[in-house]
């Protein structure tokens, strides 16, 4: 039943995105971070594209852990540059957990509606991802590598192209004594390298847990 809620959320966000004119969303967010079941996080992210449609912007992302193996997220943002309009949603499903020397392995399905270089596109895709928890000076963090592959559909020209990028990031928490809040704040940073019909950029986000 909880998985059905995730797919329903994706459908709702996609239908809203068909009318979106000033939003964009990039990156994996905190999909790989080990949230407890039913936990919700609202994140603010600074985004900077440095190649193939450069521009700086902000975006908001809502993330919820549905079950021990599934996570959904959705969001929107504003930005300058040629990739100025996008709304997005994703569903991450864990195939293998982070256990002993075994890394966490998952597949994240995503959908987007975007305006890129003056053209409105609908994008669907999947991102295989591996991540692993490590101890860094007494604090646990979770580096990850993802390879998002998408099909970008141009409704005006009835054409499509495939996209591929390599996303390398890390997520963790900032303790309350360092975050000026009563709860630990989630933090993530990500570098994206465009491999095919994509872009390169650097993103940083901070997430606050919701009750």
N, C-alpha and C. Protein backbone atom coordinates (compact mmCIF):
# COMPACT_ATOMS: atom_id res chain seq x y z
N UNK A 1 0.83 -1.21 0.00
CA UNK A 1 0.00 0.00 0.00
C UNK A 1 0.87 1.26 0.00
N UNK A 2 1.93 1.27 0.80
CA UNK A 2 2.81 2.44 0.83
C UNK A 2 3.50 2.65 -0.50
N UNK A 3 3.86 1.57 -1.20
CA UNK A 3 4.45 1.71 -2.51
C UNK A 3 3.48 2.37 -3.48
N UNK A 4 2.18 2.03 -3.37
CA UNK A 4 1.17 2.64 -4.23
C UNK A 4 1.09 4.13 -3.97
N UNK A 5 1.28 4.55 -2.73
CA UNK A 5 1.30 5.98 -2.42
C UNK A 5 2.43 6.67 -3.17
N UNK A 6 3.59 6.01 -3.27
CA UNK A 6 4.72 6.59 -3.97
C UNK A 6 4.43 6.80 -5.43
N UNK A 7 3.85 5.79 -6.10
CA UNK A 7 3.53 5.92 -7.51
C UNK A 7 2.44 6.97 -7.73
N UNK A 8 1.49 7.10 -6.80
CA UNK A 8 0.46 8.11 -6.92
C UNK A 8 1.07 9.50 -6.83
N UNK A 9 2.06 9.68 -5.95
CA UNK A 9 2.74 10.97 -5.83
C UNK A 9 3.45 11.32 -7.12
N UNK A 10 4.11 10.34 -7.74
CA UNK A 10 4.79 10.59 -9.01
C UNK A 10 3.80 11.05 -10.07
N UNK A 11 2.66 10.40 -10.14
CA UNK A 11 1.68 10.77 -11.15
C UNK A 11 1.14 12.17 -10.93
N UNK A 12 0.90 12.54 -9.67
CA UNK A 12 0.40 13.86 -9.36
C UNK A 12 1.40 14.94 -9.75
N UNK A 13 2.67 14.73 -9.38
CA UNK A 13 3.69 15.73 -9.70
C UNK A 13 3.87 15.87 -11.20
N UNK A 14 3.80 14.76 -11.92
CA UNK A 14 3.96 14.83 -13.37
C UNK A 14 2.81 15.62 -13.99
N UNK A 15 1.60 15.40 -13.52
CA UNK A 15 0.47 16.12 -14.09
C UNK A 15 0.57 17.61 -13.81
N UNK A 16 1.06 17.99 -12.62
CA UNK A 16 1.28 19.39 -12.33
C UNK A 16 2.39 19.97 -13.19
N UNK A 17 3.42 19.16 -13.45
CA UNK A 17 4.56 19.63 -14.22
C UNK A 17 4.21 19.97 -15.64
N UNK A 18 3.15 19.38 -16.20
CA UNK A 18 2.77 19.68 -17.58
C UNK A 18 2.39 21.14 -17.75
N UNK A 19 2.04 21.79 -16.65
CA UNK A 19 1.69 23.19 -16.75
C UNK A 19 2.74 24.10 -16.14
N UNK A 20 3.84 23.57 -15.68
CA UNK A 20 4.86 24.37 -15.03
C UNK A 20 5.61 25.23 -16.03
N UNK A 21 5.94 26.47 -15.62
CA UNK A 21 6.65 27.36 -16.53
C UNK A 21 7.89 27.97 -15.91
N UNK A 22 8.18 27.74 -14.65
CA UNK A 22 9.33 28.42 -14.05
C UNK A 22 9.96 27.60 -12.95
N UNK A 23 10.22 26.35 -13.20
CA UNK A 23 10.82 25.49 -12.17
C UNK A 23 11.81 24.54 -12.79
N UNK A 24 12.75 24.10 -11.96
CA UNK A 24 13.66 23.05 -12.42
C UNK A 24 14.14 22.25 -11.23
N UNK A 25 14.56 21.02 -11.46
CA UNK A 25 15.06 20.21 -10.37
C UNK A 25 16.15 19.28 -10.86
N UNK A 26 17.24 19.18 -10.13
CA UNK A 26 18.37 18.36 -10.54
C UNK A 26 18.92 17.58 -9.36
N UNK A 27 19.68 16.55 -9.65
CA UNK A 27 20.42 15.85 -8.62
C UNK A 27 19.63 14.72 -7.97
N UNK A 28 20.35 13.93 -7.15
CA UNK A 28 19.76 12.78 -6.50
C UNK A 28 19.18 13.12 -5.13
N UNK A 29 19.50 14.30 -4.61
CA UNK A 29 19.00 14.67 -3.29
C UNK A 29 19.53 13.74 -2.21
N UNK A 30 18.65 13.35 -1.28
CA UNK A 30 19.05 12.46 -0.18
C UNK A 30 18.36 11.10 -0.32
N UNK A 31 18.12 10.67 -1.56
CA UNK A 31 17.46 9.39 -1.80
C UNK A 31 18.21 8.22 -1.17
N UNK A 32 19.54 8.30 -1.14
CA UNK A 32 20.34 7.19 -0.62
C UNK A 32 20.62 7.29 0.87
N UNK A 33 20.22 8.40 1.50
CA UNK A 33 20.48 8.57 2.92
C UNK A 33 19.56 7.65 3.73
N UNK A 34 20.07 6.98 4.78
CA UNK A 34 19.27 6.00 5.53
C UNK A 34 18.28 6.65 6.50
N UNK A 35 17.22 7.23 5.97
CA UNK A 35 16.16 7.76 6.82
C UNK A 35 15.39 6.61 7.48
N UNK A 36 14.83 6.89 8.64
CA UNK A 36 13.95 5.91 9.26
C UNK A 36 12.61 5.88 8.52
N UNK A 37 11.93 4.74 8.60
CA UNK A 37 10.67 4.57 7.89
C UNK A 37 9.65 5.64 8.28
N UNK A 38 9.01 6.20 7.27
CA UNK A 38 7.97 7.23 7.40
C UNK A 38 8.53 8.60 7.77
N UNK A 39 9.85 8.78 7.78
CA UNK A 39 10.44 10.08 8.05
C UNK A 39 10.30 10.98 6.82
N UNK A 40 10.13 12.28 7.07
CA UNK A 40 9.95 13.27 6.01
C UNK A 40 10.98 14.38 6.19
N UNK A 41 11.54 14.85 5.08
CA UNK A 41 12.55 15.90 5.12
C UNK A 41 12.25 16.92 4.05
N UNK A 42 12.32 18.20 4.40
CA UNK A 42 12.18 19.29 3.44
C UNK A 42 13.55 19.94 3.26
N UNK A 43 14.05 19.94 2.03
CA UNK A 43 15.41 20.41 1.75
C UNK A 43 15.39 21.67 0.91
N UNK A 44 16.37 22.54 1.16
CA UNK A 44 16.66 23.69 0.30
C UNK A 44 18.02 23.44 -0.33
N UNK A 45 18.12 23.60 -1.65
CA UNK A 45 19.33 23.27 -2.37
C UNK A 45 19.77 24.43 -3.25
N UNK A 46 21.06 24.72 -3.21
CA UNK A 46 21.67 25.68 -4.13
C UNK A 46 22.20 24.90 -5.31
N UNK A 47 21.85 25.31 -6.51
CA UNK A 47 22.24 24.58 -7.72
C UNK A 47 23.07 25.48 -8.62
N UNK A 48 24.12 24.92 -9.17
CA UNK A 48 24.96 25.67 -10.08
C UNK A 48 25.36 24.82 -11.27
N UNK A 49 24.88 25.17 -12.46
CA UNK A 49 25.25 24.47 -13.68
C UNK A 49 26.42 25.21 -14.30
N UNK A 50 27.47 24.50 -14.63
CA UNK A 50 28.69 25.14 -15.12
C UNK A 50 28.97 24.84 -16.59
N UNK A 51 28.21 23.92 -17.18
CA UNK A 51 28.45 23.57 -18.58
C UNK A 51 27.14 23.15 -19.24
N UNK A 52 26.93 23.58 -20.48
CA UNK A 52 25.76 23.24 -21.28
C UNK A 52 24.46 23.79 -20.66
N UNK A 53 24.39 25.12 -20.62
CA UNK A 53 23.22 25.78 -20.06
C UNK A 53 23.50 26.30 -18.67
N UNK A 54 24.60 27.05 -18.49
CA UNK A 54 25.05 27.46 -17.16
C UNK A 54 24.06 28.41 -16.50
N UNK A 55 24.01 28.35 -15.17
CA UNK A 55 23.12 29.20 -14.39
C UNK A 55 23.10 28.76 -12.95
N UNK A 56 22.75 29.69 -12.06
CA UNK A 56 22.68 29.43 -10.63
C UNK A 56 21.24 29.57 -10.17
N UNK A 57 20.82 28.72 -9.24
CA UNK A 57 19.45 28.81 -8.76
C UNK A 57 19.25 28.16 -7.41
N UNK A 58 17.99 28.10 -7.00
CA UNK A 58 17.58 27.47 -5.76
C UNK A 58 16.45 26.50 -6.05
N UNK A 59 16.37 25.44 -5.25
CA UNK A 59 15.24 24.53 -5.39
C UNK A 59 14.86 23.96 -4.05
N UNK A 60 13.61 23.53 -3.94
CA UNK A 60 13.09 22.89 -2.75
C UNK A 60 12.74 21.45 -3.09
N UNK A 61 13.03 20.53 -2.16
CA UNK A 61 12.79 19.11 -2.38
C UNK A 61 12.16 18.48 -1.13
N UNK A 62 11.07 17.76 -1.34
CA UNK A 62 10.42 17.01 -0.27
C UNK A 62 10.78 15.54 -0.43
N UNK A 63 11.28 14.92 0.64
CA UNK A 63 11.68 13.52 0.62
C UNK A 63 10.96 12.77 1.73
N UNK A 64 10.45 11.58 1.40
CA UNK A 64 9.77 10.76 2.42
C UNK A 64 10.18 9.31 2.27
N UNK A 65 10.53 8.70 3.38
CA UNK A 65 10.82 7.27 3.43
C UNK A 65 9.51 6.52 3.62
N UNK A 66 9.08 5.78 2.60
CA UNK A 66 7.80 5.08 2.67
C UNK A 66 7.91 3.76 3.43
N UNK A 67 8.90 2.95 3.05
CA UNK A 67 9.15 1.67 3.69
C UNK A 67 10.65 1.53 3.91
N UNK A 68 11.07 0.39 4.43
CA UNK A 68 12.50 0.18 4.66
C UNK A 68 13.30 0.15 3.36
N UNK A 69 12.62 -0.06 2.22
CA UNK A 69 13.32 -0.18 0.94
C UNK A 69 12.92 0.86 -0.10
N UNK A 70 11.98 1.75 0.21
CA UNK A 70 11.51 2.69 -0.81
C UNK A 70 11.43 4.11 -0.29
N UNK A 71 11.83 5.06 -1.15
CA UNK A 71 11.84 6.48 -0.83
C UNK A 71 11.30 7.26 -2.01
N UNK A 72 10.49 8.27 -1.75
CA UNK A 72 10.01 9.15 -2.81
C UNK A 72 10.50 10.56 -2.54
N UNK A 73 10.68 11.34 -3.62
CA UNK A 73 10.96 12.76 -3.47
C UNK A 73 10.32 13.52 -4.63
N UNK A 74 10.12 14.82 -4.42
CA UNK A 74 9.53 15.68 -5.43
C UNK A 74 9.92 17.11 -5.12
N UNK A 75 9.96 17.96 -6.14
CA UNK A 75 10.32 19.34 -5.88
C UNK A 75 10.29 20.22 -7.10
N UNK A 76 10.68 21.48 -6.88
CA UNK A 76 10.74 22.48 -7.94
C UNK A 76 11.72 23.56 -7.51
N UNK A 77 12.02 24.46 -8.45
CA UNK A 77 12.95 25.54 -8.13
C UNK A 77 12.93 26.63 -9.17
N UNK A 78 13.79 27.62 -9.00
CA UNK A 78 13.94 28.71 -9.96
C UNK A 78 15.43 28.89 -10.25
N UNK A 79 15.73 29.35 -11.46
CA UNK A 79 17.13 29.50 -11.83
C UNK A 79 17.28 30.41 -13.03
N UNK A 80 18.49 30.90 -13.21
CA UNK A 80 18.86 31.61 -14.43
C UNK A 80 19.45 30.60 -15.41
N UNK A 81 19.69 31.01 -16.64
CA UNK A 81 20.31 30.12 -17.62
C UNK A 81 19.33 29.52 -18.58
N UNK A 82 19.82 28.63 -19.41
CA UNK A 82 19.02 28.03 -20.48
C UNK A 82 18.20 26.83 -20.01
N UNK A 83 18.43 26.35 -18.80
CA UNK A 83 17.64 25.24 -18.24
C UNK A 83 16.84 25.80 -17.06
N UNK A 84 15.86 26.63 -17.38
CA UNK A 84 15.20 27.46 -16.37
C UNK A 84 13.85 26.96 -15.93
N UNK A 85 13.36 25.86 -16.46
CA UNK A 85 12.00 25.44 -16.10
C UNK A 85 11.93 23.93 -15.93
N UNK A 86 11.76 23.47 -14.70
CA UNK A 86 11.68 22.04 -14.47
C UNK A 86 11.01 21.72 -13.14
N UNK A 87 10.16 20.70 -13.17
CA UNK A 87 9.53 20.14 -11.98
C UNK A 87 9.78 18.63 -12.01
N UNK A 88 10.00 18.00 -10.86
CA UNK A 88 10.50 16.63 -10.88
C UNK A 88 9.94 15.79 -9.74
N UNK A 89 10.03 14.48 -9.91
CA UNK A 89 9.68 13.52 -8.86
C UNK A 89 10.48 12.25 -9.08
N UNK A 90 10.72 11.50 -8.01
CA UNK A 90 11.49 10.27 -8.12
C UNK A 90 11.04 9.22 -7.12
N UNK A 91 11.34 7.97 -7.44
CA UNK A 91 11.01 6.84 -6.57
C UNK A 91 12.22 5.92 -6.52
N UNK A 92 12.86 5.84 -5.35
CA UNK A 92 14.07 5.04 -5.18
C UNK A 92 13.72 3.73 -4.48
N UNK A 93 14.14 2.60 -5.10
CA UNK A 93 13.87 1.28 -4.53
C UNK A 93 15.18 0.56 -4.26
N UNK A 94 15.38 0.16 -3.02
CA UNK A 94 16.61 -0.51 -2.61
C UNK A 94 16.61 -1.98 -3.03
N UNK A 95 17.64 -2.38 -3.77
CA UNK A 95 17.80 -3.77 -4.19
C UNK A 95 18.62 -4.56 -3.18
N UNK A 96 19.71 -3.95 -2.69
CA UNK A 96 20.58 -4.59 -1.70
C UNK A 96 20.93 -3.55 -0.64
N UNK A 97 20.88 -3.91 0.64
CA UNK A 97 21.17 -2.94 1.70
C UNK A 97 22.67 -2.73 1.89
N UNK A 98 22.99 -1.67 2.59
CA UNK A 98 24.36 -1.40 3.02
C UNK A 98 24.62 -2.31 4.22
N UNK A 99 25.42 -3.36 4.00
CA UNK A 99 25.64 -4.35 5.05
C UNK A 99 27.06 -4.88 4.97
N UNK A 100 27.79 -4.80 6.07
CA UNK A 100 29.17 -5.27 6.14
C UNK A 100 29.98 -4.59 5.02
N UNK A 101 30.57 -5.36 4.10
CA UNK A 101 31.34 -4.76 3.01
C UNK A 101 30.48 -4.51 1.77
N UNK A 102 29.22 -4.90 1.84
CA UNK A 102 28.33 -4.76 0.69
C UNK A 102 27.76 -3.35 0.63
N UNK A 103 27.88 -2.64 -0.50
CA UNK A 103 27.29 -1.31 -0.61
C UNK A 103 25.78 -1.39 -0.84
N UNK A 104 25.11 -0.32 -0.50
CA UNK A 104 23.68 -0.23 -0.82
C UNK A 104 23.55 -0.03 -2.33
N UNK A 105 22.65 -0.79 -2.94
CA UNK A 105 22.39 -0.68 -4.38
C UNK A 105 20.91 -0.44 -4.60
N UNK A 106 20.59 0.53 -5.44
CA UNK A 106 19.18 0.86 -5.66
C UNK A 106 18.97 1.32 -7.10
N UNK A 107 17.70 1.37 -7.49
CA UNK A 107 17.27 1.94 -8.75
C UNK A 107 16.30 3.07 -8.44
N UNK A 108 16.54 4.24 -9.04
CA UNK A 108 15.64 5.37 -8.84
C UNK A 108 14.99 5.73 -10.16
N UNK A 109 13.67 5.58 -10.24
CA UNK A 109 12.92 6.03 -11.40
C UNK A 109 12.58 7.51 -11.21
N UNK A 110 12.66 8.29 -12.29
CA UNK A 110 12.36 9.71 -12.16
C UNK A 110 11.58 10.21 -13.37
N UNK A 111 10.81 11.27 -13.15
CA UNK A 111 10.09 11.94 -14.22
C UNK A 111 10.30 13.44 -14.06
N UNK A 112 10.37 14.15 -15.17
CA UNK A 112 10.58 15.59 -15.14
C UNK A 112 9.80 16.25 -16.27
N UNK A 113 9.42 17.49 -16.06
CA UNK A 113 8.91 18.32 -17.13
C UNK A 113 9.76 19.58 -17.15
N UNK A 114 10.40 19.87 -18.25
CA UNK A 114 11.39 20.93 -18.25
C UNK A 114 11.31 21.80 -19.50
N UNK A 115 11.85 23.00 -19.35
CA UNK A 115 12.05 23.88 -20.49
C UNK A 115 13.55 24.08 -20.64
N UNK A 116 14.10 23.56 -21.73
CA UNK A 116 15.54 23.60 -21.94
C UNK A 116 15.83 24.25 -23.29
N UNK A 117 16.58 25.34 -23.26
CA UNK A 117 16.94 26.06 -24.48
C UNK A 117 15.70 26.42 -25.30
N UNK A 118 14.65 26.86 -24.59
CA UNK A 118 13.44 27.31 -25.24
C UNK A 118 12.48 26.22 -25.66
N UNK A 119 12.78 24.96 -25.35
CA UNK A 119 11.94 23.84 -25.76
C UNK A 119 11.39 23.11 -24.54
N UNK A 120 10.10 22.84 -24.53
CA UNK A 120 9.48 22.10 -23.45
C UNK A 120 9.68 20.60 -23.67
N UNK A 121 10.16 19.90 -22.63
CA UNK A 121 10.45 18.47 -22.73
C UNK A 121 9.86 17.71 -21.55
N UNK A 122 9.42 16.48 -21.81
CA UNK A 122 9.08 15.53 -20.76
C UNK A 122 10.18 14.48 -20.72
N UNK A 123 10.70 14.21 -19.54
CA UNK A 123 11.84 13.31 -19.39
C UNK A 123 11.48 12.19 -18.42
N UNK A 124 11.71 10.96 -18.82
CA UNK A 124 11.55 9.81 -17.95
C UNK A 124 12.86 9.04 -17.94
N UNK A 125 13.19 8.43 -16.81
CA UNK A 125 14.45 7.72 -16.77
C UNK A 125 14.63 6.90 -15.52
N UNK A 126 15.82 6.32 -15.40
CA UNK A 126 16.16 5.50 -14.25
C UNK A 126 17.62 5.74 -13.90
N UNK A 127 17.93 5.69 -12.60
CA UNK A 127 19.28 5.96 -12.13
C UNK A 127 19.76 4.84 -11.22
N UNK A 128 20.58 3.91 -11.73
CA UNK A 128 21.20 2.92 -10.83
C UNK A 128 22.20 3.63 -9.92
N UNK A 129 22.17 3.27 -8.64
CA UNK A 129 22.96 4.00 -7.64
C UNK A 129 23.59 3.03 -6.64
N UNK A 130 24.83 3.30 -6.27
CA UNK A 130 25.49 2.56 -5.19
C UNK A 130 25.95 3.57 -4.14
N UNK A 131 25.85 3.19 -2.87
CA UNK A 131 26.28 4.07 -1.79
C UNK A 131 26.79 3.22 -0.64
N UNK A 132 27.59 3.86 0.25
CA UNK A 132 28.18 3.11 1.37
C UNK A 132 28.45 4.07 2.51
N UNK A 133 28.11 3.65 3.71
CA UNK A 133 28.38 4.46 4.88
C UNK A 133 29.81 4.30 5.36
N UNK A 134 30.45 5.42 5.68
CA UNK A 134 31.83 5.42 6.19
C UNK A 134 31.91 6.36 7.39
N UNK A 135 32.90 6.11 8.24
CA UNK A 135 33.15 6.98 9.38
C UNK A 135 34.22 8.00 9.00
N UNK A 136 33.87 9.29 9.10
CA UNK A 136 34.80 10.37 8.82
C UNK A 136 35.04 11.16 10.10
N UNK A 137 36.17 10.92 10.74
CA UNK A 137 36.55 11.63 11.96
C UNK A 137 35.43 11.56 13.01
N UNK A 138 34.88 10.37 13.19
CA UNK A 138 33.86 10.16 14.19
C UNK A 138 32.44 10.48 13.76
N UNK A 139 32.24 10.86 12.50
CA UNK A 139 30.91 11.17 11.99
C UNK A 139 30.63 10.32 10.77
N UNK A 140 29.46 9.68 10.73
CA UNK A 140 29.12 8.82 9.60
C UNK A 140 28.56 9.63 8.45
N UNK A 141 29.01 9.33 7.24
CA UNK A 141 28.52 9.96 6.02
C UNK A 141 28.40 8.89 4.94
N UNK A 142 27.68 9.22 3.88
CA UNK A 142 27.29 8.22 2.90
C UNK A 142 27.60 8.70 1.47
N UNK A 143 28.81 8.41 0.98
CA UNK A 143 29.13 8.74 -0.41
C UNK A 143 28.31 7.86 -1.36
N UNK A 144 28.02 8.38 -2.56
CA UNK A 144 27.25 7.61 -3.53
C UNK A 144 27.67 7.96 -4.96
N UNK A 145 27.41 7.03 -5.85
CA UNK A 145 27.64 7.22 -7.28
C UNK A 145 26.39 6.77 -8.01
N UNK A 146 25.88 7.62 -8.89
CA UNK A 146 24.68 7.31 -9.64
C UNK A 146 24.90 7.62 -11.12
N UNK A 147 24.21 6.86 -11.99
CA UNK A 147 24.30 7.06 -13.43
C UNK A 147 22.89 7.25 -14.00
N UNK A 148 22.33 8.45 -13.88
CA UNK A 148 20.98 8.69 -14.40
C UNK A 148 20.94 8.61 -15.93
N UNK A 149 20.04 7.77 -16.44
CA UNK A 149 19.83 7.61 -17.88
C UNK A 149 18.38 7.97 -18.18
N UNK A 150 18.18 8.88 -19.12
CA UNK A 150 16.82 9.33 -19.39
C UNK A 150 16.50 9.40 -20.87
N UNK A 151 15.21 9.45 -21.15
CA UNK A 151 14.69 9.68 -22.50
C UNK A 151 13.94 11.01 -22.47
N UNK A 152 14.42 11.97 -23.24
CA UNK A 152 13.86 13.31 -23.27
C UNK A 152 12.99 13.46 -24.51
N UNK A 153 11.69 13.72 -24.29
CA UNK A 153 10.72 13.79 -25.37
C UNK A 153 10.37 15.24 -25.69
N UNK A 154 10.51 15.61 -26.96
CA UNK A 154 10.17 16.94 -27.45
C UNK A 154 8.82 16.86 -28.14
N UNK A 155 7.74 17.31 -27.44
CA UNK A 155 6.40 17.20 -28.00
C UNK A 155 6.18 18.06 -29.22
N UNK A 156 6.84 19.21 -29.32
CA UNK A 156 6.64 20.11 -30.44
C UNK A 156 7.16 19.50 -31.74
N UNK A 157 8.31 18.86 -31.67
CA UNK A 157 8.94 18.29 -32.87
C UNK A 157 8.69 16.79 -33.00
N UNK A 158 7.99 16.19 -32.03
CA UNK A 158 7.74 14.75 -32.04
C UNK A 158 9.05 13.97 -32.17
N UNK A 159 10.03 14.36 -31.36
CA UNK A 159 11.34 13.71 -31.40
C UNK A 159 11.80 13.43 -29.97
N UNK A 160 12.89 12.68 -29.84
CA UNK A 160 13.42 12.39 -28.52
C UNK A 160 14.93 12.25 -28.60
N UNK A 161 15.58 12.35 -27.44
CA UNK A 161 17.01 12.10 -27.33
C UNK A 161 17.27 11.43 -26.00
N UNK A 162 18.35 10.70 -25.89
CA UNK A 162 18.71 10.06 -24.63
C UNK A 162 19.75 10.89 -23.90
N UNK A 163 19.70 10.86 -22.59
CA UNK A 163 20.62 11.63 -21.76
C UNK A 163 21.32 10.70 -20.77
N UNK A 164 22.54 11.05 -20.40
CA UNK A 164 23.30 10.25 -19.45
C UNK A 164 24.26 11.16 -18.70
N UNK A 165 24.34 10.98 -17.38
CA UNK A 165 25.29 11.72 -16.57
C UNK A 165 25.84 10.83 -15.47
N UNK A 166 26.92 11.28 -14.87
CA UNK A 166 27.52 10.59 -13.71
C UNK A 166 27.42 11.53 -12.52
N UNK A 167 26.74 11.10 -11.47
CA UNK A 167 26.52 11.92 -10.28
C UNK A 167 27.30 11.34 -9.10
N UNK A 168 28.21 12.12 -8.57
CA UNK A 168 29.02 11.70 -7.43
C UNK A 168 28.72 12.62 -6.26
N UNK A 169 28.25 12.05 -5.14
CA UNK A 169 27.86 12.90 -4.02
C UNK A 169 28.10 12.27 -2.68
N UNK A 170 27.69 12.99 -1.64
CA UNK A 170 27.81 12.51 -0.27
C UNK A 170 26.71 13.16 0.56
N UNK A 171 26.17 12.41 1.52
CA UNK A 171 25.13 12.93 2.41
C UNK A 171 25.46 12.55 3.84
N UNK A 172 24.92 13.32 4.76
CA UNK A 172 25.16 13.07 6.18
C UNK A 172 24.28 13.98 7.01
N UNK A 173 24.57 14.08 8.31
CA UNK A 173 23.80 14.96 9.19
C UNK A 173 24.72 15.94 9.91
N UNK A 174 24.13 17.09 10.23
CA UNK A 174 24.82 18.09 11.04
C UNK A 174 24.16 18.07 12.42
N UNK A 175 24.93 17.85 13.45
CA UNK A 175 24.40 17.73 14.81
C UNK A 175 23.72 19.03 15.23
N UNK A 176 22.72 18.95 16.12
CA UNK A 176 21.99 20.15 16.55
C UNK A 176 22.89 21.27 17.07
N UNK A 177 23.97 20.91 17.78
CA UNK A 177 24.84 21.95 18.35
C UNK A 177 25.58 22.74 17.27
N UNK A 178 25.64 22.20 16.03
CA UNK A 178 26.30 22.91 14.95
C UNK A 178 25.30 23.50 13.94
N UNK A 179 24.04 23.14 14.03
CA UNK A 179 23.06 23.56 13.03
C UNK A 179 22.08 24.61 13.53
N UNK A 180 22.20 25.02 14.78
CA UNK A 180 21.35 26.06 15.38
C UNK A 180 19.87 25.67 15.37
N UNK A 181 19.59 24.37 15.41
CA UNK A 181 18.22 23.87 15.53
C UNK A 181 18.20 22.82 16.62
N UNK A 182 16.99 22.41 17.00
CA UNK A 182 16.86 21.38 18.03
C UNK A 182 16.94 19.97 17.45
N UNK A 183 17.02 19.87 16.14
CA UNK A 183 17.06 18.58 15.46
C UNK A 183 18.25 18.53 14.50
N UNK A 184 18.78 17.33 14.24
CA UNK A 184 19.88 17.22 13.28
C UNK A 184 19.42 17.58 11.87
N UNK A 185 20.23 18.34 11.17
CA UNK A 185 19.95 18.76 9.80
C UNK A 185 20.67 17.85 8.83
N UNK A 186 19.97 17.42 7.79
CA UNK A 186 20.60 16.60 6.75
C UNK A 186 21.30 17.50 5.76
N UNK A 187 22.50 17.11 5.36
CA UNK A 187 23.26 17.88 4.38
C UNK A 187 23.72 16.96 3.25
N UNK A 188 23.77 17.50 2.03
CA UNK A 188 24.28 16.73 0.92
C UNK A 188 24.97 17.64 -0.08
N UNK A 189 25.95 17.08 -0.75
CA UNK A 189 26.68 17.79 -1.81
C UNK A 189 26.85 16.83 -2.98
N UNK A 190 26.80 17.36 -4.19
CA UNK A 190 26.81 16.50 -5.37
C UNK A 190 27.49 17.19 -6.54
N UNK A 191 28.29 16.43 -7.25
CA UNK A 191 28.91 16.89 -8.49
C UNK A 191 28.33 16.06 -9.63
N UNK A 192 27.86 16.73 -10.67
CA UNK A 192 27.28 16.06 -11.83
C UNK A 192 28.16 16.29 -13.05
N UNK A 193 28.48 15.22 -13.73
CA UNK A 193 29.28 15.30 -14.95
C UNK A 193 28.41 14.85 -16.12
N UNK A 194 28.14 15.74 -17.05
CA UNK A 194 27.33 15.39 -18.21
C UNK A 194 28.09 14.51 -19.17
N UNK A 195 27.53 13.36 -19.50
CA UNK A 195 28.18 12.42 -20.42
C UNK A 195 27.55 12.43 -21.81
N UNK A 196 26.22 12.63 -21.89
CA UNK A 196 25.54 12.66 -23.19
C UNK A 196 24.30 13.53 -23.10
N UNK A 197 24.26 14.60 -23.89
CA UNK A 197 23.12 15.51 -23.95
C UNK A 197 22.63 15.90 -22.56
N UNK A 198 23.57 16.14 -21.66
CA UNK A 198 23.24 16.53 -20.29
C UNK A 198 24.07 17.74 -19.92
N UNK A 199 24.26 18.00 -18.63
CA UNK A 199 24.98 19.17 -18.17
C UNK A 199 25.92 18.78 -17.04
N UNK A 200 26.82 19.68 -16.70
CA UNK A 200 27.71 19.50 -15.55
C UNK A 200 27.41 20.58 -14.53
N UNK A 201 27.46 20.21 -13.25
CA UNK A 201 27.13 21.18 -12.22
C UNK A 201 27.54 20.73 -10.84
N UNK A 202 27.35 21.61 -9.87
CA UNK A 202 27.65 21.34 -8.46
C UNK A 202 26.45 21.80 -7.65
N UNK A 203 25.97 20.95 -6.72
CA UNK A 203 24.80 21.26 -5.92
C UNK A 203 25.07 20.97 -4.45
N UNK A 204 24.48 21.81 -3.58
CA UNK A 204 24.61 21.65 -2.13
C UNK A 204 23.23 21.85 -1.51
N UNK A 205 22.84 20.96 -0.59
CA UNK A 205 21.52 21.06 0.02
C UNK A 205 21.54 20.83 1.52
N UNK A 206 20.53 21.39 2.21
CA UNK A 206 20.35 21.21 3.64
C UNK A 206 18.88 20.85 3.88
N UNK A 207 18.63 19.80 4.66
CA UNK A 207 17.26 19.32 4.86
C UNK A 207 16.86 19.35 6.33
N UNK A 208 15.63 19.79 6.58
CA UNK A 208 15.11 19.85 7.95
C UNK A 208 14.03 18.78 8.12
N UNK A 209 14.11 17.95 9.15
CA UNK A 209 13.11 16.88 9.34
C UNK A 209 11.76 17.45 9.72
N UNK A 210 10.68 16.87 9.16
CA UNK A 210 9.32 17.27 9.46
C UNK A 210 8.66 16.24 10.36
N UNK A 211 7.83 16.67 11.25
CA UNK A 211 7.12 15.76 12.16
C UNK A 211 5.96 15.10 11.42
